[in-house]
C-alpha atoms as a PDB file:
ATOM      1  CA  MET A   1     373.257 283.128 -22.907  1.00  0.00           C
ATOM      2  CA  ASP A   2     370.798 280.235 -22.766  1.00  0.00           C
ATOM      3  CA  VAL A   3     370.428 278.051 -19.680  1.00  0.00           C
ATOM      4  CA  LEU A   4     372.092 275.011 -21.243  1.00  0.00           C
ATOM      5  CA  LYS A   5     375.265 276.945 -21.962  1.00  0.00           C
ATOM      6  CA  GLU A   6     375.069 278.952 -18.756  1.00  0.00           C
ATOM      7  CA  LYS A   7     374.569 275.986 -16.422  1.00  0.00           C
ATOM      8  CA  GLY A   8     375.685 273.063 -18.546  1.00  0.00           C
ATOM      9  CA  LEU A   9     378.976 273.932 -20.198  1.00  0.00           C
ATOM     10  CA  VAL A  10     381.184 273.716 -17.087  1.00  0.00           C
ATOM     11  CA  PRO A  11     379.766 270.369 -15.882  1.00  0.00           C
ATOM     12  CA  LEU A  12     380.018 269.010 -19.427  1.00  0.00           C
ATOM     13  CA  ARG A  13     383.675 270.029 -19.611  1.00  0.00           C
ATOM     14  CA  VAL A  14     384.381 268.358 -16.267  1.00  0.00           C
ATOM     15  CA  ILE A  15     382.610 265.139 -17.292  1.00  0.00           C
ATOM     16  CA  LEU A  16     384.310 265.059 -20.694  1.00  0.00           C
ATOM     17  CA  GLY A  17     387.708 265.770 -19.127  1.00  0.00           C
ATOM     18  CA  PHE A  18     387.222 262.968 -16.612  1.00  0.00           C
ATOM     19  CA  THR A  19     385.978 260.613 -19.330  1.00  0.00           C
ATOM     20  CA  LEU A  20     388.952 261.431 -21.529  1.00  0.00           C
ATOM     21  CA  LEU A  21     391.397 260.846 -18.663  1.00  0.00           C
ATOM     22  CA  THR A  22     389.919 257.556 -17.516  1.00  0.00           C
ATOM     23  CA  THR A  23     389.455 256.119 -21.015  1.00  0.00           C
ATOM     24  CA  VAL A  24     392.984 257.133 -22.083  1.00  0.00           C
ATOM     25  CA  LEU A  25     394.354 255.304 -19.050  1.00  0.00           C
ATOM     26  CA  HIS A  26     392.183 252.224 -19.382  1.00  0.00           C
ATOM     27  CA  TYR A  27     392.235 251.831 -23.150  1.00  0.00           C
ATOM     28  CA  SER A  28     396.007 252.428 -23.287  1.00  0.00           C
ATOM     29  CA  HIS A  29     396.586 249.718 -20.690  1.00  0.00           C
ATOM     30  CA  ASN A  30     394.184 247.485 -22.566  1.00  0.00           C
ATOM     31  CA  VAL A  31     396.209 247.948 -25.762  1.00  0.00           C
ATOM     32  CA  LEU A  32     399.618 247.565 -24.130  1.00  0.00           C
ATOM     33  CA  ARG A  33     398.652 244.624 -21.883  1.00  0.00           C
ATOM     34  CA  ALA A  34     395.844 243.063 -23.929  1.00  0.00           C
ATOM     35  CA  GLN A  35     397.004 239.603 -22.936  1.00  0.00           C
ATOM     36  CA  ASP A  36     396.178 240.385 -19.269  1.00  0.00           C
ATOM     37  CA  TYR A  37     392.488 240.934 -19.993  1.00  0.00           C
ATOM     38  CA  PRO A  38     389.875 238.250 -20.662  1.00  0.00           C
ATOM     39  CA  GLN A  39     389.999 237.317 -24.320  1.00  0.00           C
ATOM     40  CA  VAL A  40     387.031 237.039 -26.645  1.00  0.00           C
ATOM     41  CA  PRO A  41     387.157 233.543 -28.172  1.00  0.00           C
ATOM     42  CA  GLY A  42     388.454 233.661 -31.726  1.00  0.00           C
ATOM     43  CA  VAL A  43     389.966 237.152 -31.424  1.00  0.00           C
ATOM     44  CA  GLY A  44     393.718 237.148 -30.984  1.00  0.00           C
ATOM     45  CA  VAL A  45     395.730 239.618 -28.936  1.00  0.00           C
ATOM     46  CA  PRO A  46     397.001 241.606 -31.973  1.00  0.00           C
ATOM     47  CA  ALA A  47     393.453 241.995 -33.307  1.00  0.00           C
ATOM     48  CA  THR A  48     392.256 242.978 -29.832  1.00  0.00           C
ATOM     49  CA  ARG A  49     394.878 245.724 -29.674  1.00  0.00           C
ATOM     50  CA  VAL A  50     393.791 247.161 -33.019  1.00  0.00           C
ATOM     51  CA  LEU A  51     390.085 246.967 -32.166  1.00  0.00           C
ATOM     52  CA  VAL A  52     390.556 248.626 -28.772  1.00  0.00           C
ATOM     53  CA  ALA A  53     392.685 251.459 -30.201  1.00  0.00           C
ATOM     54  CA  PHE A  54     390.276 252.005 -33.091  1.00  0.00           C
ATOM     55  CA  GLY A  55     387.289 251.902 -30.725  1.00  0.00           C
ATOM     56  CA  TRP A  56     388.808 254.531 -28.437  1.00  0.00           C
ATOM     57  CA  VAL A  57     389.533 256.880 -31.363  1.00  0.00           C
ATOM     58  CA  LEU A  58     386.029 256.394 -32.766  1.00  0.00           C
ATOM     59  CA  PHE A  59     384.286 256.928 -29.413  1.00  0.00           C
ATOM     60  CA  THR A  60     386.414 259.973 -28.648  1.00  0.00           C
ATOM     61  CA  ALA A  61     385.563 261.491 -32.029  1.00  0.00           C
ATOM     62  CA  PHE A  62     381.879 261.267 -31.061  1.00  0.00           C
ATOM     63  CA  GLY A  63     382.699 263.020 -27.789  1.00  0.00           C
ATOM     64  CA  ALA A  64     384.495 265.820 -29.622  1.00  0.00           C
ATOM     65  CA  LEU A  65     381.579 266.206 -32.041  1.00  0.00           C
ATOM     66  CA  GLY A  66     379.149 266.278 -29.117  1.00  0.00           C
ATOM     67  CA  TYR A  67     381.117 268.981 -27.362  1.00  0.00           C
ATOM     68  CA  ARG A  68     381.428 271.034 -30.558  1.00  0.00           C
ATOM     69  CA  ASP A  69     377.706 270.859 -31.241  1.00  0.00           C
ATOM     70  CA  TYR A  70     376.844 271.658 -27.631  1.00  0.00           C
ATOM     71  CA  ARG A  71     378.939 274.820 -27.767  1.00  0.00           C
ATOM     72  CA  ALA A  72     377.279 275.739 -31.064  1.00  0.00           C
ATOM     73  CA  GLY A  73     373.791 275.332 -29.562  1.00  0.00           C
ATOM     74  CA  ARG A  74     372.889 272.257 -31.623  1.00  0.00           C
ATOM     75  CA  TYR A  75     371.759 270.476 -28.482  1.00  0.00           C
ATOM     76  CA  TRP A  76     369.788 267.458 -29.681  1.00  0.00           C
ATOM     77  CA  ARG A  77     372.519 266.487 -32.114  1.00  0.00           C
ATOM     78  CA  SER A  78     375.093 267.061 -29.376  1.00  0.00           C
ATOM     79  CA  LEU A  79     373.239 264.854 -26.920  1.00  0.00           C
ATOM     80  CA  ALA A  80     373.068 262.032 -29.459  1.00  0.00           C
ATOM     81  CA  PHE A  81     376.840 262.237 -30.002  1.00  0.00           C
ATOM     82  CA  LEU A  82     377.452 262.353 -26.252  1.00  0.00           C
ATOM     83  CA  LEU A  83     375.360 259.229 -25.710  1.00  0.00           C
ATOM     84  CA  VAL A  84     377.452 257.396 -28.279  1.00  0.00           C
ATOM     85  CA  TYR A  85     380.598 258.656 -26.541  1.00  0.00           C
ATOM     86  CA  SER A  86     379.322 257.305 -23.231  1.00  0.00           C
ATOM     87  CA  LEU A  87     379.523 253.830 -24.730  1.00  0.00           C
ATOM     88  CA  SER A  88     383.314 254.088 -24.383  1.00  0.00           C
ATOM     89  CA  GLY A  89     382.839 253.803 -20.632  1.00  0.00           C
ATOM     90  CA  LEU A  90     379.989 251.319 -20.705  1.00  0.00           C
ATOM     91  CA  ALA A  91     381.856 249.025 -23.110  1.00  0.00           C
ATOM     92  CA  THR A  92     384.601 248.676 -20.519  1.00  0.00           C
ATOM     93  CA  ALA A  93     382.213 246.755 -18.276  1.00  0.00           C
ATOM     94  CA  GLY A  94     382.153 244.141 -21.041  1.00  0.00           C
ATOM     95  CA  HIS A  95     385.383 242.714 -19.622  1.00  0.00           C
ATOM     96  CA  PHE A  96     383.282 241.054 -16.939  1.00  0.00           C
ATOM     97  CA  LEU A  97     381.120 239.318 -19.544  1.00  0.00           C
ATOM     98  CA  VAL A  98     384.108 237.464 -20.982  1.00  0.00           C
ATOM     99  CA  GLY A  99     385.803 236.259 -17.815  1.00  0.00           C
ATOM    100  CA  PRO A 100     387.511 237.301 -14.608  1.00  0.00           C
ATOM    101  CA  VAL A 101     389.643 240.429 -14.860  1.00  0.00           C
ATOM    102  CA  ARG A 102     393.073 239.785 -13.306  1.00  0.00           C
ATOM    103  CA  ILE A 103     395.007 243.015 -13.559  1.00  0.00           C
ATOM    104  CA  PRO A 104     396.722 245.250 -10.965  1.00  0.00           C
ATOM    105  CA  ALA A 105     394.374 247.212  -8.687  1.00  0.00           C
ATOM    106  CA  PHE A 106     395.025 250.605 -10.326  1.00  0.00           C
ATOM    107  CA  TRP A 107     394.103 249.322 -13.771  1.00  0.00           C
ATOM    108  CA  TYR A 108     391.176 247.390 -12.346  1.00  0.00           C
ATOM    109  CA  ALA A 109     389.899 250.658 -10.849  1.00  0.00           C
ATOM    110  CA  THR A 110     389.924 252.255 -14.318  1.00  0.00           C
ATOM    111  CA  VAL A 111     387.280 249.750 -15.387  1.00  0.00           C
ATOM    112  CA  PHE A 112     384.992 251.281 -12.771  1.00  0.00           C
ATOM    113  CA  THR A 113     385.991 254.900 -13.419  1.00  0.00           C
ATOM    114  CA  ASP A 114     385.137 254.358 -17.089  1.00  0.00           C
ATOM    115  CA  VAL A 115     381.663 253.187 -16.072  1.00  0.00           C
ATOM    116  CA  VAL A 116     381.259 256.087 -13.630  1.00  0.00           C
ATOM    117  CA  SER A 117     382.194 258.566 -16.361  1.00  0.00           C
ATOM    118  CA  ALA A 118     379.653 256.997 -18.724  1.00  0.00           C
ATOM    119  CA  LEU A 119     376.926 257.212 -16.107  1.00  0.00           C
ATOM    120  CA  ALA A 120     377.825 260.847 -15.380  1.00  0.00           C
ATOM    121  CA  LEU A 121     377.479 261.580 -19.083  1.00  0.00           C
ATOM    122  CA  TRP A 122     374.058 259.879 -19.135  1.00  0.00           C
ATOM    123  CA  VAL A 123     372.932 261.996 -16.166  1.00  0.00           C
ATOM    124  CA  PHE A 124     374.111 265.125 -17.956  1.00  0.00           C
ATOM    125  CA  VAL A 125     372.331 264.150 -21.187  1.00  0.00           C
ATOM    126  CA  CYS A 126     369.101 263.452 -19.267  1.00  0.00           C
ATOM    127  CA  TRP A 127     369.351 266.813 -17.507  1.00  0.00           C
ATOM    128  CA  ALA A 128     369.955 268.668 -20.794  1.00  0.00           C
ATOM    129  CA  ALA A 129     367.163 266.799 -22.586  1.00  0.00           C
ATOM    130  CA  ALA A 130     364.752 267.613 -19.759  1.00  0.00           C
ATOM    131  CA  ARG A 131     365.711 271.292 -20.052  1.00  0.00           C
ATOM    132  CA  LEU A 132     365.171 271.199 -23.806  1.00  0.00           C
ATOM    133  CA  ASN A 133     361.730 269.671 -23.349  1.00  0.00           C
ATOM    134  CA  ARG A 134     360.483 272.370 -21.005  1.00  0.00           C
ATOM    135  CA  VAL A 135     357.850 274.515 -22.630  1.00  0.00           C
ATOM    136  CA  ARG A 136     356.626 277.427 -20.540  1.00  0.00           C
ATOM    137  CA  ASP A 137     354.042 278.882 -22.921  1.00  0.00           C
ATOM    138  CA  ALA A 138     352.778 278.706 -26.494  1.00  0.00           C
ATOM    139  CA  GLY A 139     354.980 281.659 -27.473  1.00  0.00           C
ATOM    140  CA  GLN A 140     358.074 279.650 -26.609  1.00  0.00           C
ATOM    141  CA  VAL A 141     356.959 276.855 -28.928  1.00  0.00           C
ATOM    142  CA  LEU A 142     356.415 279.332 -31.765  1.00  0.00           C
ATOM    143  CA  HIS A 143     359.787 280.965 -31.056  1.00  0.00           C
ATOM    144  CA  ASN A 144     361.527 277.582 -31.149  1.00  0.00           C
ATOM    145  CA  VAL A 145     359.775 276.609 -34.393  1.00  0.00           C
ATOM    146  CA  ASP A 146     360.604 279.953 -36.019  1.00  0.00           C
ATOM    147  CA  ALA A 147     364.247 279.660 -34.897  1.00  0.00           C
ATOM    148  CA  GLY A 148     364.518 276.196 -36.446  1.00  0.00           C
ATOM    149  CA  HIS A 149     364.866 274.252 -33.172  1.00  0.00           C
END
């Protein structure tokens, strides 16, 4: 088993599980109580609900593709998908760009847990990319080229 699967699969599962939990909570509340969040000028509450729901499904699909490719050993492709998925957490911070967020404390906390999950995913992607970029000797480069990596 290679080092990325051996040392990376469990942390990736934990990060993805946490990201899924926090984004389900936050995005669901955002859809159900869209009127409680700062509104983008010119975008009504019904349109906001559709955009948020669609965005969550789209981001989560990238996360699923990233996980699938990671398990299959297609690491660079996986890391690209995982970076896109991390945007689901980073986009949440966009609430603060529009106006003050006035929601109950629990839901307010999910804004921050979304960001934390995105940052955790970025740390994981940086770790995996650094591992992929390690070249110990010329034979490893030839092996990687011959194997199509």
